[in-house]
Amino acid sequence: MHRRIRHVAFLVRDQDEALAFFVDKLGFVVTEDTRLGGKRWLTVAPEAGGTPSLLLSAAATAEQRRAVGRQAGGRVFLFLETDDLERDHRRLEEAGVVFVEPPRAEPYGTVAVFRDLYGNRWDLLQPASAEGDAEPQR
């Protein structure tokens, strides 16, 4: 059996605003942008063909609007893995991404915490090695 997570719904206030952040600041690519009736199916990923992708879902109800920026209740929500944290940290800072914790070494790798445009916390993570690492406890 082959199974995987294909998309993660990511609540946004405005899809175009979110798209600009993910593409212009984080360097993501649009993997799909399709109109489906009155809705827009808009997905982005760090690389073309990468999964899972983020489905930039426009918050449609009061409950959903309250959850924008709090999808993990203040904890780190998503982990963006890199092969060169120093390079990507510098590039993201230059693009205006706000880091709330500087890079630090952990047993599982090097990590720096940033906030997206809505306040969700992310880890920018360079794993210590490809084999045998423990995942971070959040």
N, C-alpha and C. Protein backbone atom coordinates (compact mmCIF):
# COMPACT_ATOMS: atom_id res chain seq x y z
N MET A 1 0.84 -1.17 0.00
CA MET A 1 0.00 0.00 0.00
C MET A 1 0.89 1.24 0.00
N HIS A 2 0.55 2.20 -0.85
CA HIS A 2 1.28 3.46 -0.92
C HIS A 2 0.35 4.58 -0.48
N ARG A 3 0.73 5.27 0.60
CA ARG A 3 -0.08 6.40 1.06
C ARG A 3 0.85 7.54 1.43
N ARG A 4 0.34 8.75 1.32
CA ARG A 4 1.11 9.92 1.70
C ARG A 4 0.17 11.09 1.93
N ILE A 5 0.63 12.07 2.63
CA ILE A 5 -0.13 13.30 2.77
C ILE A 5 0.16 14.14 1.54
N ARG A 6 -0.88 14.51 0.85
CA ARG A 6 -0.73 15.25 -0.42
C ARG A 6 -0.74 16.76 -0.20
N HIS A 7 -1.71 17.25 0.59
CA HIS A 7 -1.86 18.68 0.85
C HIS A 7 -2.12 18.90 2.34
N VAL A 8 -1.74 20.07 2.81
CA VAL A 8 -2.09 20.51 4.15
C VAL A 8 -2.87 21.81 3.97
N ALA A 9 -4.09 21.87 4.50
CA ALA A 9 -4.89 23.08 4.40
C ALA A 9 -4.27 24.15 5.29
N PHE A 10 -4.05 25.32 4.72
CA PHE A 10 -3.43 26.43 5.41
C PHE A 10 -4.38 27.61 5.31
N LEU A 11 -5.03 27.94 6.43
CA LEU A 11 -6.02 29.01 6.42
C LEU A 11 -5.38 30.38 6.22
N VAL A 12 -5.97 31.17 5.30
CA VAL A 12 -5.44 32.50 4.99
C VAL A 12 -6.58 33.51 4.97
N ARG A 13 -6.24 34.77 5.23
CA ARG A 13 -7.23 35.85 5.11
C ARG A 13 -7.55 36.12 3.65
N ASP A 14 -6.51 36.10 2.84
CA ASP A 14 -6.63 36.47 1.43
C ASP A 14 -5.65 35.61 0.63
N GLN A 15 -6.13 34.93 -0.38
CA GLN A 15 -5.26 34.02 -1.12
C GLN A 15 -4.15 34.75 -1.88
N ASP A 16 -4.44 35.90 -2.46
CA ASP A 16 -3.40 36.63 -3.19
C ASP A 16 -2.32 37.16 -2.26
N GLU A 17 -2.72 37.64 -1.09
CA GLU A 17 -1.77 38.11 -0.08
C GLU A 17 -0.86 36.96 0.37
N ALA A 18 -1.45 35.81 0.63
CA ALA A 18 -0.68 34.63 1.05
C ALA A 18 0.22 34.15 -0.07
N LEU A 19 -0.30 34.14 -1.28
CA LEU A 19 0.50 33.71 -2.43
C LEU A 19 1.75 34.58 -2.57
N ALA A 20 1.60 35.88 -2.43
CA ALA A 20 2.75 36.79 -2.53
C ALA A 20 3.80 36.46 -1.46
N PHE A 21 3.36 36.19 -0.24
CA PHE A 21 4.31 35.85 0.83
C PHE A 21 5.06 34.56 0.50
N PHE A 22 4.33 33.52 0.15
CA PHE A 22 4.98 32.23 -0.08
C PHE A 22 5.90 32.24 -1.29
N VAL A 23 5.51 32.93 -2.35
CA VAL A 23 6.33 32.95 -3.56
C VAL A 23 7.45 33.99 -3.43
N ASP A 24 7.11 35.22 -3.07
CA ASP A 24 8.10 36.30 -3.07
C ASP A 24 9.06 36.24 -1.89
N LYS A 25 8.58 35.84 -0.73
CA LYS A 25 9.45 35.83 0.45
C LYS A 25 10.07 34.46 0.72
N LEU A 26 9.25 33.41 0.69
CA LEU A 26 9.79 32.08 1.00
C LEU A 26 10.37 31.37 -0.23
N GLY A 27 10.06 31.85 -1.43
CA GLY A 27 10.61 31.23 -2.63
C GLY A 27 9.89 29.96 -3.05
N PHE A 28 8.65 29.77 -2.58
CA PHE A 28 7.85 28.61 -2.98
C PHE A 28 7.41 28.77 -4.43
N VAL A 29 6.92 27.69 -5.01
CA VAL A 29 6.36 27.72 -6.36
C VAL A 29 4.87 27.36 -6.29
N VAL A 30 4.12 27.89 -7.23
CA VAL A 30 2.71 27.54 -7.34
C VAL A 30 2.63 26.18 -8.00
N THR A 31 1.97 25.24 -7.35
CA THR A 31 1.82 23.90 -7.93
C THR A 31 0.46 23.72 -8.59
N GLU A 32 -0.52 24.54 -8.19
CA GLU A 32 -1.82 24.54 -8.87
C GLU A 32 -2.57 25.81 -8.51
N ASP A 33 -3.28 26.35 -9.50
CA ASP A 33 -4.13 27.51 -9.28
C ASP A 33 -5.33 27.35 -10.20
N THR A 34 -6.41 26.79 -9.66
CA THR A 34 -7.59 26.44 -10.45
C THR A 34 -8.83 27.00 -9.79
N ARG A 35 -9.71 27.55 -10.61
CA ARG A 35 -11.02 28.02 -10.12
C ARG A 35 -11.98 26.85 -10.17
N LEU A 36 -12.64 26.60 -9.05
CA LEU A 36 -13.62 25.52 -8.96
C LEU A 36 -14.95 26.13 -8.51
N GLY A 37 -15.78 26.49 -9.47
CA GLY A 37 -17.02 27.17 -9.11
C GLY A 37 -16.68 28.50 -8.46
N GLY A 38 -17.16 28.71 -7.24
CA GLY A 38 -16.88 29.94 -6.53
C GLY A 38 -15.63 29.87 -5.68
N LYS A 39 -14.89 28.77 -5.73
CA LYS A 39 -13.69 28.62 -4.91
C LYS A 39 -12.44 28.58 -5.78
N ARG A 40 -11.33 28.81 -5.14
CA ARG A 40 -10.03 28.76 -5.82
C ARG A 40 -9.18 27.71 -5.13
N TRP A 41 -8.71 26.73 -5.89
CA TRP A 41 -7.80 25.69 -5.40
C TRP A 41 -6.39 26.18 -5.70
N LEU A 42 -5.70 26.64 -4.66
CA LEU A 42 -4.39 27.27 -4.83
C LEU A 42 -3.40 26.55 -3.93
N THR A 43 -2.41 25.90 -4.54
CA THR A 43 -1.41 25.17 -3.77
C THR A 43 -0.01 25.68 -4.08
N VAL A 44 0.83 25.66 -3.05
CA VAL A 44 2.23 26.06 -3.18
C VAL A 44 3.09 25.01 -2.48
N ALA A 45 4.34 24.94 -2.90
CA ALA A 45 5.29 24.00 -2.30
C ALA A 45 6.70 24.59 -2.43
N PRO A 46 7.62 24.13 -1.58
CA PRO A 46 8.99 24.63 -1.68
C PRO A 46 9.65 24.33 -3.02
N GLU A 47 9.22 23.24 -3.67
CA GLU A 47 9.79 22.84 -4.97
C GLU A 47 8.67 22.35 -5.87
N ALA A 48 8.86 22.50 -7.16
CA ALA A 48 7.88 21.96 -8.12
C ALA A 48 7.77 20.46 -7.91
N GLY A 49 6.54 19.96 -7.85
CA GLY A 49 6.31 18.54 -7.67
C GLY A 49 6.46 18.07 -6.24
N GLY A 50 6.80 18.98 -5.35
CA GLY A 50 7.00 18.60 -3.95
C GLY A 50 5.70 18.34 -3.23
N THR A 51 5.72 17.36 -2.35
CA THR A 51 4.57 17.10 -1.51
C THR A 51 5.06 16.88 -0.08
N PRO A 52 4.29 17.20 0.89
CA PRO A 52 2.97 17.79 0.70
C PRO A 52 3.08 19.25 0.27
N SER A 53 2.01 19.73 -0.31
CA SER A 53 1.94 21.14 -0.65
C SER A 53 0.96 21.80 0.31
N LEU A 54 1.02 23.11 0.37
CA LEU A 54 0.07 23.86 1.19
C LEU A 54 -1.09 24.30 0.31
N LEU A 55 -2.30 23.98 0.74
CA LEU A 55 -3.51 24.45 0.08
C LEU A 55 -3.87 25.76 0.76
N LEU A 56 -3.68 26.88 0.08
CA LEU A 56 -3.97 28.19 0.65
C LEU A 56 -5.48 28.39 0.63
N SER A 57 -6.11 28.10 1.76
CA SER A 57 -7.57 28.06 1.88
C SER A 57 -8.09 29.36 2.48
N ALA A 58 -8.90 30.07 1.72
CA ALA A 58 -9.48 31.32 2.22
C ALA A 58 -10.45 31.02 3.36
N ALA A 59 -10.20 31.65 4.50
CA ALA A 59 -11.08 31.49 5.65
C ALA A 59 -12.47 32.02 5.28
N ALA A 60 -13.49 31.16 5.43
CA ALA A 60 -14.82 31.51 4.97
C ALA A 60 -15.82 31.77 6.10
N THR A 61 -15.51 31.32 7.29
CA THR A 61 -16.44 31.49 8.42
C THR A 61 -15.73 32.26 9.53
N ALA A 62 -16.51 32.74 10.49
CA ALA A 62 -15.92 33.45 11.63
C ALA A 62 -14.94 32.55 12.38
N GLU A 63 -15.29 31.30 12.56
CA GLU A 63 -14.41 30.35 13.25
C GLU A 63 -13.10 30.18 12.50
N GLN A 64 -13.17 30.04 11.18
CA GLN A 64 -11.95 29.90 10.38
C GLN A 64 -11.11 31.17 10.42
N ARG A 65 -11.76 32.34 10.36
CA ARG A 65 -11.02 33.60 10.42
C ARG A 65 -10.28 33.74 11.75
N ARG A 66 -10.88 33.27 12.83
CA ARG A 66 -10.21 33.32 14.14
C ARG A 66 -9.00 32.39 14.18
N ALA A 67 -9.00 31.34 13.40
CA ALA A 67 -7.91 30.37 13.40
C ALA A 67 -6.73 30.79 12.52
N VAL A 68 -6.91 31.79 11.66
CA VAL A 68 -5.81 32.25 10.80
C VAL A 68 -4.68 32.74 11.70
N GLY A 69 -3.50 32.19 11.50
CA GLY A 69 -2.33 32.56 12.30
C GLY A 69 -2.20 31.81 13.61
N ARG A 70 -3.17 30.95 13.91
CA ARG A 70 -3.15 30.19 15.17
C ARG A 70 -3.44 28.72 14.90
N GLN A 71 -3.01 28.24 13.77
CA GLN A 71 -3.35 26.88 13.37
C GLN A 71 -2.74 25.83 14.27
N ALA A 72 -1.70 26.19 15.03
CA ALA A 72 -1.09 25.23 15.95
C ALA A 72 -1.14 25.75 17.38
N GLY A 73 -2.00 26.70 17.65
CA GLY A 73 -2.16 27.21 19.00
C GLY A 73 -0.91 27.86 19.57
N GLY A 74 -0.08 28.44 18.73
CA GLY A 74 1.13 29.13 19.19
C GLY A 74 2.39 28.29 19.14
N ARG A 75 2.25 27.00 18.90
CA ARG A 75 3.43 26.13 18.75
C ARG A 75 3.95 26.24 17.32
N VAL A 76 5.15 25.71 17.10
CA VAL A 76 5.63 25.62 15.72
C VAL A 76 4.64 24.76 14.94
N PHE A 77 4.23 25.27 13.80
CA PHE A 77 3.20 24.62 12.99
C PHE A 77 3.82 23.77 11.87
N LEU A 78 4.77 24.33 11.17
CA LEU A 78 5.36 23.61 10.03
C LEU A 78 6.89 23.68 10.10
N PHE A 79 7.52 22.71 9.47
CA PHE A 79 8.97 22.57 9.48
C PHE A 79 9.45 22.61 8.04
N LEU A 80 10.22 23.64 7.70
CA LEU A 80 10.77 23.80 6.36
C LEU A 80 12.21 23.34 6.39
N GLU A 81 12.47 22.20 5.76
CA GLU A 81 13.80 21.61 5.77
C GLU A 81 14.66 22.22 4.68
N THR A 82 15.93 22.42 5.00
CA THR A 82 16.90 22.98 4.06
C THR A 82 18.20 22.19 4.14
N ASP A 83 18.97 22.25 3.08
CA ASP A 83 20.30 21.64 3.10
C ASP A 83 21.38 22.65 3.48
N ASP A 84 20.99 23.92 3.65
CA ASP A 84 21.94 24.97 4.02
C ASP A 84 21.21 26.05 4.80
N LEU A 85 21.14 25.90 6.11
CA LEU A 85 20.39 26.83 6.93
C LEU A 85 20.96 28.25 6.86
N GLU A 86 22.26 28.36 6.90
CA GLU A 86 22.88 29.69 6.87
C GLU A 86 22.48 30.45 5.60
N ARG A 87 22.56 29.81 4.47
CA ARG A 87 22.19 30.44 3.20
C ARG A 87 20.72 30.85 3.20
N ASP A 88 19.84 29.92 3.58
CA ASP A 88 18.42 30.20 3.52
C ASP A 88 17.97 31.19 4.59
N HIS A 89 18.58 31.13 5.75
CA HIS A 89 18.27 32.10 6.80
C HIS A 89 18.60 33.51 6.30
N ARG A 90 19.77 33.68 5.73
CA ARG A 90 20.19 34.97 5.19
C ARG A 90 19.24 35.44 4.08
N ARG A 91 18.90 34.54 3.15
CA ARG A 91 18.02 34.91 2.04
C ARG A 91 16.64 35.31 2.54
N LEU A 92 16.09 34.54 3.49
CA LEU A 92 14.76 34.84 4.02
C LEU A 92 14.76 36.16 4.78
N GLU A 93 15.78 36.42 5.57
CA GLU A 93 15.86 37.71 6.26
C GLU A 93 15.92 38.86 5.27
N GLU A 94 16.70 38.69 4.21
CA GLU A 94 16.80 39.74 3.19
C GLU A 94 15.47 39.97 2.50
N ALA A 95 14.64 38.92 2.42
CA ALA A 95 13.32 39.04 1.80
C ALA A 95 12.28 39.62 2.75
N GLY A 96 12.67 39.84 4.02
CA GLY A 96 11.76 40.44 4.97
C GLY A 96 11.05 39.47 5.90
N VAL A 97 11.45 38.21 5.89
CA VAL A 97 10.87 37.23 6.80
C VAL A 97 11.39 37.53 8.21
N VAL A 98 10.47 37.51 9.19
CA VAL A 98 10.83 37.84 10.57
C VAL A 98 11.15 36.57 11.34
N PHE A 99 12.39 36.49 11.82
CA PHE A 99 12.81 35.37 12.67
C PHE A 99 12.62 35.78 14.12
N VAL A 100 12.02 34.89 14.89
CA VAL A 100 11.76 35.17 16.30
C VAL A 100 12.78 34.46 17.20
N GLU A 101 13.54 33.56 16.62
CA GLU A 101 14.64 32.90 17.32
C GLU A 101 15.80 32.75 16.34
N PRO A 102 17.01 33.09 16.78
CA PRO A 102 18.16 32.95 15.88
C PRO A 102 18.52 31.48 15.69
N PRO A 103 19.34 31.20 14.69
CA PRO A 103 19.78 29.82 14.49
C PRO A 103 20.47 29.28 15.73
N ARG A 104 20.17 28.00 16.01
CA ARG A 104 20.81 27.34 17.15
C ARG A 104 21.02 25.86 16.80
N ALA A 105 22.03 25.29 17.42
CA ALA A 105 22.32 23.88 17.22
C ALA A 105 21.52 23.05 18.22
N GLU A 106 20.93 22.00 17.72
CA GLU A 106 20.19 21.03 18.53
C GLU A 106 20.71 19.65 18.15
N PRO A 107 20.43 18.62 18.96
CA PRO A 107 20.91 17.28 18.62
C PRO A 107 20.42 16.80 17.25
N TYR A 108 19.27 17.25 16.82
CA TYR A 108 18.69 16.81 15.55
C TYR A 108 19.10 17.69 14.37
N GLY A 109 19.79 18.81 14.64
CA GLY A 109 20.22 19.68 13.55
C GLY A 109 20.28 21.13 13.97
N THR A 110 20.33 22.01 12.99
CA THR A 110 20.35 23.45 13.24
C THR A 110 18.98 24.00 12.88
N VAL A 111 18.45 24.88 13.73
CA VAL A 111 17.09 25.36 13.56
C VAL A 111 17.00 26.85 13.86
N ALA A 112 16.14 27.54 13.12
CA ALA A 112 15.81 28.94 13.38
C ALA A 112 14.30 29.07 13.22
N VAL A 113 13.66 29.81 14.13
CA VAL A 113 12.20 29.92 14.12
C VAL A 113 11.79 31.26 13.51
N PHE A 114 10.84 31.19 12.56
CA PHE A 114 10.30 32.42 11.96
C PHE A 114 8.78 32.38 12.00
N ARG A 115 8.19 33.53 11.75
CA ARG A 115 6.73 33.64 11.67
C ARG A 115 6.35 33.93 10.22
N ASP A 116 5.23 33.33 9.81
CA ASP A 116 4.71 33.65 8.48
C ASP A 116 3.92 34.95 8.55
N LEU A 117 3.29 35.34 7.47
CA LEU A 117 2.59 36.62 7.42
C LEU A 117 1.43 36.72 8.39
N TYR A 118 0.94 35.59 8.90
CA TYR A 118 -0.18 35.61 9.84
C TYR A 118 0.23 35.35 11.28
N GLY A 119 1.48 35.01 11.50
CA GLY A 119 1.96 34.76 12.85
C GLY A 119 2.21 33.31 13.20
N ASN A 120 1.85 32.38 12.31
CA ASN A 120 2.17 30.97 12.57
C ASN A 120 3.69 30.82 12.69
N ARG A 121 4.12 30.02 13.64
CA ARG A 121 5.55 29.77 13.83
C ARG A 121 6.00 28.59 12.95
N TRP A 122 7.16 28.74 12.33
CA TRP A 122 7.77 27.72 11.49
C TRP A 122 9.20 27.48 11.98
N ASP A 123 9.68 26.25 11.81
CA ASP A 123 11.10 25.96 11.98
C ASP A 123 11.74 25.89 10.61
N LEU A 124 12.82 26.63 10.43
CA LEU A 124 13.71 26.41 9.30
C LEU A 124 14.75 25.46 9.85
N LEU A 125 14.84 24.28 9.26
CA LEU A 125 15.60 23.18 9.86
C LEU A 125 16.58 22.57 8.88
N GLN A 126 17.84 22.48 9.31
CA GLN A 126 18.84 21.71 8.59
C GLN A 126 19.16 20.50 9.46
N PRO A 127 18.70 19.31 9.05
CA PRO A 127 18.94 18.11 9.87
C PRO A 127 20.43 17.84 10.06
N ALA A 128 20.76 17.24 11.21
CA ALA A 128 22.15 16.91 11.51
C ALA A 128 22.72 15.91 10.50
N SER A 129 21.91 14.93 10.14
CA SER A 129 22.31 13.96 9.13
C SER A 129 21.05 13.30 8.59
N ALA A 130 21.18 12.57 7.54
CA ALA A 130 20.01 11.96 6.91
C ALA A 130 19.55 10.70 7.62
N GLU A 131 20.40 10.14 8.46
CA GLU A 131 20.05 8.84 9.07
C GLU A 131 20.23 8.88 10.59
N GLY A 132 19.24 8.38 11.30
CA GLY A 132 19.37 8.18 12.72
C GLY A 132 19.07 9.39 13.59
N ASP A 133 18.58 10.48 13.03
CA ASP A 133 18.27 11.65 13.83
C ASP A 133 16.95 11.50 14.54
N ALA A 134 16.89 12.03 15.73
CA ALA A 134 15.61 12.13 16.44
C ALA A 134 14.90 13.36 15.94
N GLU A 135 13.60 13.31 15.84
CA GLU A 135 12.81 14.47 15.44
C GLU A 135 12.71 15.42 16.62
N PRO A 136 12.59 16.73 16.35
CA PRO A 136 12.45 17.70 17.43
C PRO A 136 11.15 17.49 18.17
N GLN A 137 11.19 17.73 19.47
CA GLN A 137 9.98 17.64 20.30
C GLN A 137 9.42 19.03 20.46
N ARG A 138 8.20 19.26 19.99
CA ARG A 138 7.58 20.58 20.07
C ARG A 138 6.31 20.50 20.84
